[in-house]
């Protein structure tokens, strides 16, 4: 039988000192995850979600969190969690979920890059961290995420894959070039410029 998310979260090591373990780590992690799923994107919002729904959450999961940690307390608890252990817990939970039904053809995977909020460090001259994630559409599972090198960008990170993009009708030249490229024909272009009092034109085929 597949372990529940709460059971998996209980396997994450708690490195807090004994006097700092006022709140059960797995319970706080579970409620914080639910808060983020519900739209919370800050420690204050996570605190408010837990405070508002505490009784309902405790009853639903049979837990006994006495009250919501303050937003500063939540920050200390969550920042003290080993990120490698947390990711392993998520992957273990995802691995036990039912696989999407098999379909003919290609598997749609969306790749998107995001700059991590709060990762910019001016004191240490460190740029904001940028991460790319690959999401499988069929079951909404993040298959992998990769940090983009500080002196690089998303293009080399995602190289070697097919790209699906949207081109609207108000971009007729770009759409035509892509249609020709998809059909195996090399699009042509003509560039005209003025230099030293004369007109010059170049055509690329």
C-alpha atoms as a PDB file:
ATOM      1  CA  UNK A   1       0.000   0.000   0.000  1.00  0.00           C
ATOM      2  CA  UNK A   2       1.283   3.432  -0.965  1.00  0.00           C
ATOM      3  CA  UNK A   3       2.365   5.566   1.983  1.00  0.00           C
ATOM      4  CA  UNK A   4       0.478   8.812   2.468  1.00  0.00           C
ATOM      5  CA  UNK A   5       2.204  12.158   2.021  1.00  0.00           C
ATOM      6  CA  UNK A   6       2.121  12.687   5.784  1.00  0.00           C
ATOM      7  CA  UNK A   7       3.836   9.333   6.401  1.00  0.00           C
ATOM      8  CA  UNK A   8       6.535  10.224   3.877  1.00  0.00           C
ATOM      9  CA  UNK A   9       7.047  13.664   5.416  1.00  0.00           C
ATOM     10  CA  UNK A  10       7.602  12.012   8.800  1.00  0.00           C
ATOM     11  CA  UNK A  11      10.756  10.428   7.372  1.00  0.00           C
ATOM     12  CA  UNK A  12      12.398  13.839   6.837  1.00  0.00           C
ATOM     13  CA  UNK A  13      15.054  14.404   9.538  1.00  0.00           C
ATOM     14  CA  UNK A  14      14.291  17.101  12.099  1.00  0.00           C
ATOM     15  CA  UNK A  15      17.524  18.913  12.942  1.00  0.00           C
ATOM     16  CA  UNK A  16      16.005  21.278  15.492  1.00  0.00           C
ATOM     17  CA  UNK A  17      17.131  21.154  19.089  1.00  0.00           C
ATOM     18  CA  UNK A  18      14.787  19.518  21.570  1.00  0.00           C
ATOM     19  CA  UNK A  19      13.619  22.830  23.040  1.00  0.00           C
ATOM     20  CA  UNK A  20      12.837  24.085  19.511  1.00  0.00           C
ATOM     21  CA  UNK A  21      10.478  21.232  18.646  1.00  0.00           C
ATOM     22  CA  UNK A  22       7.293  22.902  19.846  1.00  0.00           C
ATOM     23  CA  UNK A  23       5.562  22.044  16.566  1.00  0.00           C
ATOM     24  CA  UNK A  24       5.706  18.661  14.863  1.00  0.00           C
ATOM     25  CA  UNK A  25       7.787  19.051  11.706  1.00  0.00           C
ATOM     26  CA  UNK A  26       5.762  16.750   9.449  1.00  0.00           C
ATOM     27  CA  UNK A  27       2.514  18.462  10.469  1.00  0.00           C
ATOM     28  CA  UNK A  28       3.902  21.920   9.733  1.00  0.00           C
ATOM     29  CA  UNK A  29       5.249  20.725   6.371  1.00  0.00           C
ATOM     30  CA  UNK A  30       1.915  19.180   5.407  1.00  0.00           C
ATOM     31  CA  UNK A  31      -0.082  22.274   6.343  1.00  0.00           C
ATOM     32  CA  UNK A  32       2.438  24.549   4.606  1.00  0.00           C
ATOM     33  CA  UNK A  33       2.134  22.468   1.423  1.00  0.00           C
ATOM     34  CA  UNK A  34      -1.646  22.729   1.553  1.00  0.00           C
ATOM     35  CA  UNK A  35      -1.358  26.478   2.111  1.00  0.00           C
ATOM     36  CA  UNK A  36       0.788  26.856  -1.010  1.00  0.00           C
ATOM     37  CA  UNK A  37      -1.608  24.709  -3.032  1.00  0.00           C
ATOM     38  CA  UNK A  38      -4.372  27.049  -1.862  1.00  0.00           C
ATOM     39  CA  UNK A  39      -2.419  30.053  -3.155  1.00  0.00           C
ATOM     40  CA  UNK A  40      -0.239  31.199  -0.256  1.00  0.00           C
ATOM     41  CA  UNK A  41       3.075  32.583  -1.509  1.00  0.00           C
ATOM     42  CA  UNK A  42       4.560  34.087   1.641  1.00  0.00           C
ATOM     43  CA  UNK A  43       5.196  33.095   5.253  1.00  0.00           C
ATOM     44  CA  UNK A  44       2.504  35.515   6.420  1.00  0.00           C
ATOM     45  CA  UNK A  45      -0.084  33.993   4.087  1.00  0.00           C
ATOM     46  CA  UNK A  46       0.932  30.483   5.102  1.00  0.00           C
ATOM     47  CA  UNK A  47       0.546  31.425   8.767  1.00  0.00           C
ATOM     48  CA  UNK A  48      -2.872  32.931   8.082  1.00  0.00           C
ATOM     49  CA  UNK A  49      -4.027  29.825   6.179  1.00  0.00           C
ATOM     50  CA  UNK A  50      -3.028  27.507   9.020  1.00  0.00           C
ATOM     51  CA  UNK A  51      -4.546  29.820  11.645  1.00  0.00           C
ATOM     52  CA  UNK A  52      -7.852  30.077   9.778  1.00  0.00           C
ATOM     53  CA  UNK A  53      -8.237  26.378   8.958  1.00  0.00           C
ATOM     54  CA  UNK A  54      -6.433  24.829  11.928  1.00  0.00           C
ATOM     55  CA  UNK A  55      -9.403  23.028  13.465  1.00  0.00           C
ATOM     56  CA  UNK A  56     -10.565  21.667  10.117  1.00  0.00           C
ATOM     57  CA  UNK A  57      -7.058  20.491   9.218  1.00  0.00           C
ATOM     58  CA  UNK A  58      -6.500  18.782  12.567  1.00  0.00           C
ATOM     59  CA  UNK A  59      -9.822  16.960  12.282  1.00  0.00           C
ATOM     60  CA  UNK A  60      -9.246  15.924   8.663  1.00  0.00           C
ATOM     61  CA  UNK A  61      -5.812  14.425   9.312  1.00  0.00           C
ATOM     62  CA  UNK A  62      -6.211  13.363  12.939  1.00  0.00           C
ATOM     63  CA  UNK A  63      -3.426  15.703  14.054  1.00  0.00           C
ATOM     64  CA  UNK A  64      -3.029  17.965  17.057  1.00  0.00           C
ATOM     65  CA  UNK A  65      -1.150  21.091  16.052  1.00  0.00           C
ATOM     66  CA  UNK A  66      -1.966  23.370  19.015  1.00  0.00           C
ATOM     67  CA  UNK A  67      -1.883  26.633  17.054  1.00  0.00           C
ATOM     68  CA  UNK A  68      -0.296  28.118  13.971  1.00  0.00           C
ATOM     69  CA  UNK A  69       3.378  29.073  14.281  1.00  0.00           C
ATOM     70  CA  UNK A  70       4.055  32.753  13.717  1.00  0.00           C
ATOM     71  CA  UNK A  71       5.253  33.686  10.259  1.00  0.00           C
ATOM     72  CA  UNK A  72       8.782  34.141  11.615  1.00  0.00           C
ATOM     73  CA  UNK A  73       8.536  30.743  13.297  1.00  0.00           C
ATOM     74  CA  UNK A  74       7.383  29.178  10.031  1.00  0.00           C
ATOM     75  CA  UNK A  75      10.336  30.716   8.261  1.00  0.00           C
ATOM     76  CA  UNK A  76      12.793  29.245  10.765  1.00  0.00           C
ATOM     77  CA  UNK A  77      11.164  25.816  10.584  1.00  0.00           C
ATOM     78  CA  UNK A  78      10.967  25.651   6.787  1.00  0.00           C
ATOM     79  CA  UNK A  79      14.413  27.099   6.156  1.00  0.00           C
ATOM     80  CA  UNK A  80      15.895  24.493   8.483  1.00  0.00           C
ATOM     81  CA  UNK A  81      14.562  21.580   6.419  1.00  0.00           C
ATOM     82  CA  UNK A  82      17.088  19.701   4.311  1.00  0.00           C
ATOM     83  CA  UNK A  83      16.048  20.520   0.703  1.00  0.00           C
ATOM     84  CA  UNK A  84      17.455  17.245  -0.616  1.00  0.00           C
ATOM     85  CA  UNK A  85      15.366  15.226   1.856  1.00  0.00           C
ATOM     86  CA  UNK A  86      12.280  17.287   1.033  1.00  0.00           C
ATOM     87  CA  UNK A  87      12.686  16.753  -2.702  1.00  0.00           C
ATOM     88  CA  UNK A  88      13.211  13.024  -2.134  1.00  0.00           C
ATOM     89  CA  UNK A  89       9.943  12.956  -0.174  1.00  0.00           C
ATOM     90  CA  UNK A  90       8.062  14.664  -3.005  1.00  0.00           C
ATOM     91  CA  UNK A  91       9.527  12.285  -5.569  1.00  0.00           C
ATOM     92  CA  UNK A  92       8.643   9.269  -3.441  1.00  0.00           C
ATOM     93  CA  UNK A  93       5.067  10.505  -3.166  1.00  0.00           C
ATOM     94  CA  UNK A  94       4.851  11.243  -6.907  1.00  0.00           C
ATOM     95  CA  UNK A  95       6.256   7.801  -7.777  1.00  0.00           C
ATOM     96  CA  UNK A  96       3.381   6.153  -5.930  1.00  0.00           C
ATOM     97  CA  UNK A  97       0.682   8.095  -7.765  1.00  0.00           C
ATOM     98  CA  UNK A  98      -1.251   6.383 -10.594  1.00  0.00           C
ATOM     99  CA  UNK A  99       0.458   6.798 -13.949  1.00  0.00           C
ATOM    100  CA  UNK A 100      -1.506   8.633 -16.642  1.00  0.00           C
ATOM    101  CA  UNK A 101      -3.232   6.466 -19.264  1.00  0.00           C
ATOM    102  CA  UNK A 102      -1.044   5.639 -22.232  1.00  0.00           C
ATOM    103  CA  UNK A 103      -1.804   7.609 -25.386  1.00  0.00           C
ATOM    104  CA  UNK A 104      -0.463   7.282 -28.894  1.00  0.00           C
ATOM    105  CA  UNK A 105       1.998   9.826 -30.159  1.00  0.00           C
ATOM    106  CA  UNK A 106       4.257  12.209 -28.310  1.00  0.00           C
ATOM    107  CA  UNK A 107       4.144  13.028 -24.605  1.00  0.00           C
ATOM    108  CA  UNK A 108       3.521  16.731 -23.962  1.00  0.00           C
ATOM    109  CA  UNK A 109       6.020  18.222 -21.535  1.00  0.00           C
ATOM    110  CA  UNK A 110       6.062  21.931 -20.750  1.00  0.00           C
ATOM    111  CA  UNK A 111       9.398  23.564 -19.921  1.00  0.00           C
ATOM    112  CA  UNK A 112       9.409  26.899 -18.135  1.00  0.00           C
ATOM    113  CA  UNK A 113      11.976  28.999 -16.352  1.00  0.00           C
ATOM    114  CA  UNK A 114      11.367  30.961 -13.173  1.00  0.00           C
ATOM    115  CA  UNK A 115      13.500  33.333 -11.153  1.00  0.00           C
ATOM    116  CA  UNK A 116      13.378  32.322  -7.495  1.00  0.00           C
ATOM    117  CA  UNK A 117      11.925  35.079  -5.325  1.00  0.00           C
ATOM    118  CA  UNK A 118      14.313  36.377  -2.677  1.00  0.00           C
ATOM    119  CA  UNK A 119      17.383  34.625  -4.133  1.00  0.00           C
ATOM    120  CA  UNK A 120      19.169  37.849  -5.139  1.00  0.00           C
ATOM    121  CA  UNK A 121      22.089  38.593  -2.799  1.00  0.00           C
ATOM    122  CA  UNK A 122      23.632  42.030  -3.347  1.00  0.00           C
ATOM    123  CA  UNK A 123      25.985  41.666  -0.375  1.00  0.00           C
ATOM    124  CA  UNK A 124      27.675  38.608  -1.873  1.00  0.00           C
ATOM    125  CA  UNK A 125      27.287  39.886  -5.458  1.00  0.00           C
ATOM    126  CA  UNK A 126      25.088  36.933  -6.370  1.00  0.00           C
ATOM    127  CA  UNK A 127      22.435  37.159  -9.040  1.00  0.00           C
ATOM    128  CA  UNK A 128      18.927  35.851  -8.503  1.00  0.00           C
ATOM    129  CA  UNK A 129      18.751  32.087  -8.997  1.00  0.00           C
ATOM    130  CA  UNK A 130      16.967  30.930 -12.141  1.00  0.00           C
ATOM    131  CA  UNK A 131      15.471  27.452 -12.415  1.00  0.00           C
ATOM    132  CA  UNK A 132      13.895  25.545 -15.275  1.00  0.00           C
ATOM    133  CA  UNK A 133      11.243  22.911 -14.664  1.00  0.00           C
ATOM    134  CA  UNK A 134       9.756  20.243 -16.934  1.00  0.00           C
ATOM    135  CA  UNK A 135       6.073  19.491 -16.296  1.00  0.00           C
ATOM    136  CA  UNK A 136       4.238  16.522 -17.794  1.00  0.00           C
ATOM    137  CA  UNK A 137       0.779  17.672 -18.871  1.00  0.00           C
ATOM    138  CA  UNK A 138      -1.004  14.356 -18.448  1.00  0.00           C
ATOM    139  CA  UNK A 139      -0.689  14.176 -14.673  1.00  0.00           C
ATOM    140  CA  UNK A 140       0.761  17.597 -13.749  1.00  0.00           C
ATOM    141  CA  UNK A 141       3.954  16.062 -12.368  1.00  0.00           C
ATOM    142  CA  UNK A 142       7.238  17.987 -12.376  1.00  0.00           C
ATOM    143  CA  UNK A 143       9.672  15.509 -13.874  1.00  0.00           C
ATOM    144  CA  UNK A 144      12.847  17.452 -13.239  1.00  0.00           C
ATOM    145  CA  UNK A 145      14.148  20.904 -12.440  1.00  0.00           C
ATOM    146  CA  UNK A 146      17.556  22.292 -13.327  1.00  0.00           C
ATOM    147  CA  UNK A 147      19.323  25.403 -12.104  1.00  0.00           C
ATOM    148  CA  UNK A 148      20.437  27.691 -14.924  1.00  0.00           C
ATOM    149  CA  UNK A 149      24.115  28.614 -14.656  1.00  0.00           C
ATOM    150  CA  UNK A 150      24.681  32.203 -13.527  1.00  0.00           C
ATOM    151  CA  UNK A 151      26.520  33.148 -16.736  1.00  0.00           C
ATOM    152  CA  UNK A 152      24.193  31.223 -19.031  1.00  0.00           C
ATOM    153  CA  UNK A 153      20.509  31.299 -19.999  1.00  0.00           C
ATOM    154  CA  UNK A 154      17.562  29.009 -20.709  1.00  0.00           C
ATOM    155  CA  UNK A 155      18.476  28.194 -24.320  1.00  0.00           C
ATOM    156  CA  UNK A 156      21.551  25.978 -23.727  1.00  0.00           C
ATOM    157  CA  UNK A 157      19.883  24.487 -20.643  1.00  0.00           C
ATOM    158  CA  UNK A 158      16.911  23.282 -22.705  1.00  0.00           C
ATOM    159  CA  UNK A 159      18.884  22.411 -25.837  1.00  0.00           C
ATOM    160  CA  UNK A 160      18.310  19.102 -27.577  1.00  0.00           C
ATOM    161  CA  UNK A 161      14.514  19.228 -27.227  1.00  0.00           C
ATOM    162  CA  UNK A 162      11.633  20.121 -29.516  1.00  0.00           C
ATOM    163  CA  UNK A 163      10.091  23.554 -29.044  1.00  0.00           C
ATOM    164  CA  UNK A 164       6.368  24.260 -29.254  1.00  0.00           C
ATOM    165  CA  UNK A 165       5.473  27.937 -29.479  1.00  0.00           C
ATOM    166  CA  UNK A 166       2.472  30.069 -30.372  1.00  0.00           C
ATOM    167  CA  UNK A 167       2.515  32.494 -33.282  1.00  0.00           C
ATOM    168  CA  UNK A 168      -0.514  34.727 -33.810  1.00  0.00           C
ATOM    169  CA  UNK A 169      -2.005  35.936 -37.077  1.00  0.00           C
ATOM    170  CA  UNK A 170      -0.769  39.471 -36.381  1.00  0.00           C
ATOM    171  CA  UNK A 171       2.779  38.205 -37.054  1.00  0.00           C
ATOM    172  CA  UNK A 172       2.347  37.118 -40.710  1.00  0.00           C
ATOM    173  CA  UNK A 173       6.047  37.258 -41.669  1.00  0.00           C
ATOM    174  CA  UNK A 174       7.158  35.181 -38.688  1.00  0.00           C
ATOM    175  CA  UNK A 175       4.327  32.721 -39.221  1.00  0.00           C
ATOM    176  CA  UNK A 176       5.239  32.295 -42.882  1.00  0.00           C
ATOM    177  CA  UNK A 177       8.899  31.665 -42.037  1.00  0.00           C
ATOM    178  CA  UNK A 178       7.950  29.028 -39.483  1.00  0.00           C
ATOM    179  CA  UNK A 179       5.542  27.349 -41.893  1.00  0.00           C
ATOM    180  CA  UNK A 180       8.269  27.123 -44.517  1.00  0.00           C
ATOM    181  CA  UNK A 181      10.739  25.806 -41.979  1.00  0.00           C
ATOM    182  CA  UNK A 182       8.291  23.155 -40.792  1.00  0.00           C
ATOM    183  CA  UNK A 183       7.745  22.107 -44.412  1.00  0.00           C
ATOM    184  CA  UNK A 184      11.484  21.633 -44.906  1.00  0.00           C
ATOM    185  CA  UNK A 185      11.918  24.721 -47.071  1.00  0.00           C
ATOM    186  CA  UNK A 186      14.482  27.354 -46.232  1.00  0.00           C
ATOM    187  CA  UNK A 187      12.776  30.734 -45.778  1.00  0.00           C
ATOM    188  CA  UNK A 188      14.215  33.698 -47.639  1.00  0.00           C
ATOM    189  CA  UNK A 189      14.584  37.220 -46.347  1.00  0.00           C
ATOM    190  CA  UNK A 190      15.511  40.567 -47.834  1.00  0.00           C
ATOM    191  CA  UNK A 191      17.233  43.327 -45.899  1.00  0.00           C
ATOM    192  CA  UNK A 192      17.626  46.878 -47.213  1.00  0.00           C
ATOM    193  CA  UNK A 193      19.868  49.533 -45.722  1.00  0.00           C
ATOM    194  CA  UNK A 194      21.280  52.930 -46.596  1.00  0.00           C
ATOM    195  CA  UNK A 195      25.015  53.520 -46.213  1.00  0.00           C
ATOM    196  CA  UNK A 196      27.328  56.207 -47.600  1.00  0.00           C
ATOM    197  CA  UNK A 197      24.561  57.711 -49.713  1.00  0.00           C
ATOM    198  CA  UNK A 198      23.625  54.518 -51.525  1.00  0.00           C
ATOM    199  CA  UNK A 199      20.973  51.854 -51.108  1.00  0.00           C
ATOM    200  CA  UNK A 200      22.130  48.306 -50.508  1.00  0.00           C
ATOM    201  CA  UNK A 201      20.021  45.194 -50.449  1.00  0.00           C
ATOM    202  CA  UNK A 202      20.868  41.625 -49.477  1.00  0.00           C
ATOM    203  CA  UNK A 203      18.774  38.531 -49.923  1.00  0.00           C
ATOM    204  CA  UNK A 204      19.361  35.358 -47.901  1.00  0.00           C
ATOM    205  CA  UNK A 205      18.023  32.080 -49.297  1.00  0.00           C
END
